[in-house]
């Protein structure tokens, strides 16, 4: 979270489409308490009664509506921003909206190394903005919350490193990933210079980009698109099915600079553009 915007990495659980009535009511109550939701006009007890006693067709339509909302990123963002805005205005005695523009989103393939890459990009935002010298010194980032013991974030970051033998080891690897980016020199020559040892390591790896080197790419490369993943996933997998639901599904092609890791981007606009110097 920064002063003018925030980033969220959200994983949608496919099991949400199969949850039973008890789970639907429990999650509904967790979100709305004992109040009636404006969109449904029901409180949690009334919802439970409707699911159990309404005609089968009516009850099933209500279940489907609930399940669809649970996997809807637009609905998630709308609810999050509204609830936070109400709390903020009440706490500070203000009024009005906090975010006037629409949010942007990128569909990311659920692959550990790629999810870790995006998470590290997000956690490094405060460093790029000059708000802190290290991610762990910034209060409002996911990595700091994980270090503080947030179980959900610990599990999420540990999932990015499936070979790690413990959460502690996974967090250590994640920190190395972030600091690898933070120590890299910018394309204009400012900032840290490339260490000769790092150059030798690159030669040792045959010139292939390592995860921390991928993070040196411009933020627009990772965020200016509809989806990010392998070409097969974008053209034939879950990414393709999700993109097909859009009104104007974009094409996909391998991004030349990341061809060695089979990373492709489906951009929002027709055509693809690889920056002349992606490390600038």
Protein backbone atom coordinates (compact mmCIF):
# COMPACT_ATOMS: atom_id res chain seq x y z
CA UNK A 1 0.00 0.00 0.00
CA UNK A 2 1.33 3.40 -1.03
CA UNK A 3 -0.01 6.92 -0.57
CA UNK A 4 -1.95 7.04 -3.84
CA UNK A 5 -2.63 3.41 -4.74
CA UNK A 6 -2.31 -0.17 -3.64
CA UNK A 7 -1.48 -3.54 -5.18
CA UNK A 8 -3.11 -6.87 -4.31
CA UNK A 9 -2.13 -10.35 -5.45
CA UNK A 10 -5.32 -12.44 -5.27
CA UNK A 11 -5.69 -16.18 -5.77
CA UNK A 12 -9.19 -17.39 -6.66
CA UNK A 13 -9.91 -20.85 -5.25
CA UNK A 14 -11.68 -23.05 -7.86
CA UNK A 15 -13.29 -24.91 -4.95
CA UNK A 16 -15.48 -21.84 -4.38
CA UNK A 17 -17.64 -23.06 -7.26
CA UNK A 18 -18.41 -26.24 -5.32
CA UNK A 19 -18.87 -25.01 -1.73
CA UNK A 20 -21.99 -26.16 0.12
CA UNK A 21 -24.76 -24.10 1.69
CA UNK A 22 -23.14 -24.06 5.15
CA UNK A 23 -19.94 -22.61 3.69
CA UNK A 24 -21.88 -20.01 1.69
CA UNK A 25 -23.74 -18.86 4.79
CA UNK A 26 -20.56 -18.81 6.91
CA UNK A 27 -18.71 -16.64 4.39
CA UNK A 28 -21.75 -14.43 3.91
CA UNK A 29 -21.94 -13.84 7.67
CA UNK A 30 -18.19 -13.14 7.85
CA UNK A 31 -18.57 -10.44 5.19
CA UNK A 32 -21.85 -8.82 6.19
CA UNK A 33 -22.21 -9.72 9.88
CA UNK A 34 -25.86 -9.62 10.95
CA UNK A 35 -26.69 -6.86 8.46
CA UNK A 36 -28.65 -7.27 5.25
CA UNK A 37 -26.54 -7.13 2.11
CA UNK A 38 -27.80 -4.40 -0.20
CA UNK A 39 -27.57 -6.57 -3.32
CA UNK A 40 -29.59 -9.46 -1.87
CA UNK A 41 -31.74 -7.82 0.79
CA UNK A 42 -31.01 -10.75 3.12
CA UNK A 43 -29.09 -11.20 6.34
CA UNK A 44 -27.22 -14.44 7.04
CA UNK A 45 -30.12 -16.18 8.81
CA UNK A 46 -32.54 -15.22 6.05
CA UNK A 47 -30.05 -16.49 3.47
CA UNK A 48 -29.81 -19.86 5.23
CA UNK A 49 -33.60 -20.09 5.34
CA UNK A 50 -33.93 -19.20 1.66
CA UNK A 51 -31.35 -21.79 0.58
CA UNK A 52 -33.09 -24.50 2.61
CA UNK A 53 -36.76 -23.67 1.95
CA UNK A 54 -37.15 -21.77 -1.31
CA UNK A 55 -38.25 -23.69 -4.43
CA UNK A 56 -35.29 -25.66 -5.88
CA UNK A 57 -34.94 -23.41 -8.93
CA UNK A 58 -34.96 -20.23 -6.82
CA UNK A 59 -32.51 -21.61 -4.25
CA UNK A 60 -30.12 -22.83 -6.93
CA UNK A 61 -30.18 -19.45 -8.68
CA UNK A 62 -29.26 -17.81 -5.36
CA UNK A 63 -26.41 -20.30 -4.82
CA UNK A 64 -25.06 -19.65 -8.28
CA UNK A 65 -25.20 -15.91 -7.73
CA UNK A 66 -23.25 -16.24 -4.48
CA UNK A 67 -20.63 -18.54 -6.01
CA UNK A 68 -20.20 -16.28 -9.01
CA UNK A 69 -19.54 -13.27 -6.76
CA UNK A 70 -16.89 -15.25 -4.87
CA UNK A 71 -14.82 -15.61 -8.04
CA UNK A 72 -15.45 -12.14 -9.47
CA UNK A 73 -12.41 -9.84 -9.21
CA UNK A 74 -14.47 -6.78 -10.12
CA UNK A 75 -16.94 -7.49 -7.33
CA UNK A 76 -14.09 -8.14 -4.90
CA UNK A 77 -12.45 -4.79 -5.70
CA UNK A 78 -15.75 -2.90 -5.58
CA UNK A 79 -16.59 -4.34 -2.16
CA UNK A 80 -13.07 -3.81 -0.80
CA UNK A 81 -12.87 -0.19 -1.90
CA UNK A 82 -16.36 0.63 -0.65
CA UNK A 83 -15.81 -0.94 2.77
CA UNK A 84 -12.40 0.69 3.22
CA UNK A 85 -13.72 4.08 2.08
CA UNK A 86 -16.57 3.91 4.60
CA UNK A 87 -14.15 3.05 7.41
CA UNK A 88 -11.71 5.79 6.38
CA UNK A 89 -14.38 8.48 6.15
CA UNK A 90 -15.83 7.50 9.51
CA UNK A 91 -12.40 7.44 11.17
CA UNK A 92 -11.29 10.79 9.71
CA UNK A 93 -14.56 12.69 9.52
CA UNK A 94 -14.38 13.01 5.74
CA UNK A 95 -16.71 12.18 2.86
CA UNK A 96 -16.47 11.06 -0.75
CA UNK A 97 -14.62 8.41 -2.69
CA UNK A 98 -10.90 7.68 -2.27
CA UNK A 99 -10.28 6.17 -5.71
CA UNK A 100 -11.83 7.87 -8.72
CA UNK A 101 -10.31 5.71 -11.45
CA UNK A 102 -11.05 2.10 -12.35
CA UNK A 103 -8.64 -0.55 -11.16
CA UNK A 104 -6.32 -2.45 -13.48
CA UNK A 105 -5.79 -6.20 -13.32
CA UNK A 106 -3.52 -8.85 -14.79
CA UNK A 107 -4.35 -12.55 -14.91
CA UNK A 108 -1.28 -14.49 -13.71
CA UNK A 109 -0.67 -18.18 -14.27
CA UNK A 110 -0.67 -20.06 -10.96
CA UNK A 111 2.97 -21.15 -11.14
CA UNK A 112 5.13 -20.76 -7.99
CA UNK A 113 8.06 -18.89 -9.55
CA UNK A 114 5.79 -16.51 -11.48
CA UNK A 115 3.58 -15.77 -8.47
CA UNK A 116 6.74 -15.11 -6.44
CA UNK A 117 7.99 -12.78 -9.16
CA UNK A 118 4.82 -10.67 -9.08
CA UNK A 119 4.73 -10.68 -5.26
CA UNK A 120 8.31 -9.40 -5.13
CA UNK A 121 7.51 -6.68 -7.67
CA UNK A 122 4.66 -5.52 -5.41
CA UNK A 123 6.72 -5.61 -2.21
CA UNK A 124 9.48 -3.56 -3.84
CA UNK A 125 7.18 -0.67 -4.74
CA UNK A 126 7.95 1.25 -1.55
CA UNK A 127 11.68 0.92 -2.22
CA UNK A 128 11.28 2.20 -5.78
CA UNK A 129 9.24 5.12 -4.47
CA UNK A 130 11.99 6.08 -2.05
CA UNK A 131 9.83 5.45 1.02
CA UNK A 132 12.20 2.92 2.58
CA UNK A 133 15.62 1.38 2.10
CA UNK A 134 14.49 -2.24 2.53
CA UNK A 135 11.09 -3.92 2.07
CA UNK A 136 11.11 -5.27 5.62
CA UNK A 137 11.36 -1.69 6.93
CA UNK A 138 8.09 -0.65 5.29
CA UNK A 139 5.08 -1.28 7.49
CA UNK A 140 2.43 -1.68 4.79
CA UNK A 141 3.76 -4.47 2.59
CA UNK A 142 3.00 -8.18 2.43
CA UNK A 143 6.53 -9.30 3.21
CA UNK A 144 6.59 -7.29 6.44
CA UNK A 145 3.25 -8.78 7.47
CA UNK A 146 4.61 -12.27 6.80
CA UNK A 147 7.65 -11.55 8.97
CA UNK A 148 5.24 -10.38 11.68
CA UNK A 149 3.57 -13.79 11.62
CA UNK A 150 0.54 -13.35 9.37
CA UNK A 151 -0.27 -17.01 8.71
CA UNK A 152 -2.04 -16.44 5.40
CA UNK A 153 0.83 -14.45 3.92
CA UNK A 154 3.39 -16.93 5.27
CA UNK A 155 1.56 -19.75 3.49
CA UNK A 156 1.26 -17.70 0.31
CA UNK A 157 4.96 -16.82 0.14
CA UNK A 158 6.01 -20.34 1.14
CA UNK A 159 3.91 -21.63 -1.76
CA UNK A 160 6.19 -19.73 -4.13
CA UNK A 161 9.09 -21.96 -3.07
CA UNK A 162 7.71 -25.53 -2.94
CA UNK A 163 11.18 -27.04 -2.50
CA UNK A 164 11.83 -25.05 0.68
CA UNK A 165 11.86 -27.26 3.76
CA UNK A 166 10.30 -24.64 6.04
CA UNK A 167 8.53 -21.29 6.00
CA UNK A 168 11.69 -19.69 7.36
CA UNK A 169 13.69 -20.99 4.41
CA UNK A 170 11.00 -19.86 1.95
CA UNK A 171 10.98 -16.34 3.38
CA UNK A 172 14.78 -16.23 3.19
CA UNK A 173 14.66 -17.20 -0.49
CA UNK A 174 11.98 -14.60 -1.12
CA UNK A 175 14.11 -11.93 0.50
CA UNK A 176 17.05 -12.86 -1.72
CA UNK A 177 14.75 -12.57 -4.72
CA UNK A 178 13.70 -9.05 -3.72
CA UNK A 179 17.18 -7.88 -2.79
CA UNK A 180 18.50 -9.23 -6.08
CA UNK A 181 16.24 -6.73 -7.79
CA UNK A 182 17.03 -3.97 -5.33
CA UNK A 183 20.77 -4.30 -5.90
CA UNK A 184 20.49 -4.21 -9.69
CA UNK A 185 21.58 -1.08 -11.54
CA UNK A 186 19.05 0.81 -13.63
CA UNK A 187 19.39 1.07 -17.36
CA UNK A 188 20.45 4.71 -17.16
CA UNK A 189 23.50 3.82 -15.06
CA UNK A 190 22.20 5.21 -11.78
CA UNK A 191 21.93 3.15 -8.64
CA UNK A 192 24.01 0.10 -7.85
CA UNK A 193 26.39 -1.14 -10.52
CA UNK A 194 26.57 -4.74 -11.61
CA UNK A 195 28.91 -6.72 -9.41
CA UNK A 196 31.63 -8.59 -11.34
CA UNK A 197 30.71 -11.68 -9.35
CA UNK A 198 27.17 -11.44 -10.70
CA UNK A 199 28.55 -11.23 -14.24
CA UNK A 200 30.57 -14.39 -13.66
CA UNK A 201 27.46 -16.10 -12.33
CA UNK A 202 25.54 -15.08 -15.46
CA UNK A 203 28.29 -16.59 -17.64
CA UNK A 204 28.11 -19.74 -15.54
CA UNK A 205 24.36 -19.94 -16.22
CA UNK A 206 24.83 -19.61 -19.94
CA UNK A 207 23.43 -16.10 -20.03
CA UNK A 208 19.92 -17.21 -19.00
CA UNK A 209 17.98 -14.73 -16.90
CA UNK A 210 17.55 -15.63 -13.27
CA UNK A 211 14.40 -14.71 -11.27
CA UNK A 212 15.96 -11.62 -9.70
CA UNK A 213 17.11 -10.48 -13.14
CA UNK A 214 13.59 -10.84 -14.50
CA UNK A 215 12.47 -8.38 -11.86
CA UNK A 216 14.68 -5.73 -13.45
CA UNK A 217 12.26 -5.49 -16.35
CA UNK A 218 10.13 -2.40 -16.43
CA UNK A 219 6.98 -2.58 -14.32
CA UNK A 220 4.88 -1.93 -17.42
CA UNK A 221 6.06 -5.24 -18.90
CA UNK A 222 4.57 -7.15 -15.96
CA UNK A 223 1.43 -5.08 -15.55
CA UNK A 224 0.29 -3.67 -18.91
CA UNK A 225 -1.62 -6.69 -20.04
CA UNK A 226 -4.64 -8.88 -19.62
CA UNK A 227 -2.78 -12.05 -18.65
CA UNK A 228 0.73 -13.35 -17.95
CA UNK A 229 1.87 -16.97 -18.16
CA UNK A 230 3.28 -19.60 -20.49
CA UNK A 231 2.16 -19.53 -24.11
CA UNK A 232 0.39 -22.89 -23.79
CA UNK A 233 -1.52 -21.66 -20.72
CA UNK A 234 -2.58 -18.49 -22.54
CA UNK A 235 -3.62 -20.29 -25.72
CA UNK A 236 -5.02 -23.59 -24.48
CA UNK A 237 -5.28 -23.59 -20.66
CA UNK A 238 -7.17 -21.70 -17.98
CA UNK A 239 -5.77 -18.42 -19.26
CA UNK A 240 -7.30 -19.02 -22.69
CA UNK A 241 -10.69 -19.88 -21.20
CA UNK A 242 -10.66 -16.76 -19.02
CA UNK A 243 -9.58 -14.50 -21.89
CA UNK A 244 -12.27 -15.96 -24.15
CA UNK A 245 -14.88 -14.55 -21.78
CA UNK A 246 -13.71 -10.99 -22.45
CA UNK A 247 -15.56 -8.88 -24.99
CA UNK A 248 -12.35 -8.35 -26.99
CA UNK A 249 -9.95 -11.19 -26.17
CA UNK A 250 -6.35 -10.22 -27.04
CA UNK A 251 -3.92 -12.50 -28.92
CA UNK A 252 -0.76 -13.82 -27.30
CA UNK A 253 2.79 -14.35 -28.46
CA UNK A 254 6.05 -15.12 -26.65
CA UNK A 255 7.78 -12.05 -25.32
CA UNK A 256 11.16 -12.15 -27.02
CA UNK A 257 13.20 -10.98 -24.06
CA UNK A 258 11.82 -13.77 -21.85
CA UNK A 259 11.67 -16.52 -24.46
CA UNK A 260 14.11 -18.65 -22.45
CA UNK A 261 11.50 -19.11 -19.72
CA UNK A 262 8.49 -19.40 -22.08
CA UNK A 263 6.76 -16.33 -20.69
CA UNK A 264 4.03 -14.72 -22.78
CA UNK A 265 1.84 -11.67 -22.26
CA UNK A 266 -1.66 -11.10 -23.62
CA UNK A 267 -1.80 -7.32 -23.86
CA UNK A 268 -4.83 -5.07 -23.56
CA UNK A 269 -4.23 -3.55 -26.99
CA UNK A 270 -3.70 -5.29 -30.29
CA UNK A 271 -0.10 -6.07 -31.05
CA UNK A 272 2.91 -6.51 -28.82
CA UNK A 273 5.76 -4.20 -28.03
CA UNK A 274 9.03 -5.21 -26.41
CA UNK A 275 10.83 -2.11 -25.09
CA UNK A 276 14.09 -1.32 -26.84
CA UNK A 277 15.85 -1.67 -23.52
CA UNK A 278 13.56 -3.59 -21.12
CA UNK A 279 15.95 -2.91 -18.22
CA UNK A 280 15.53 0.87 -18.38
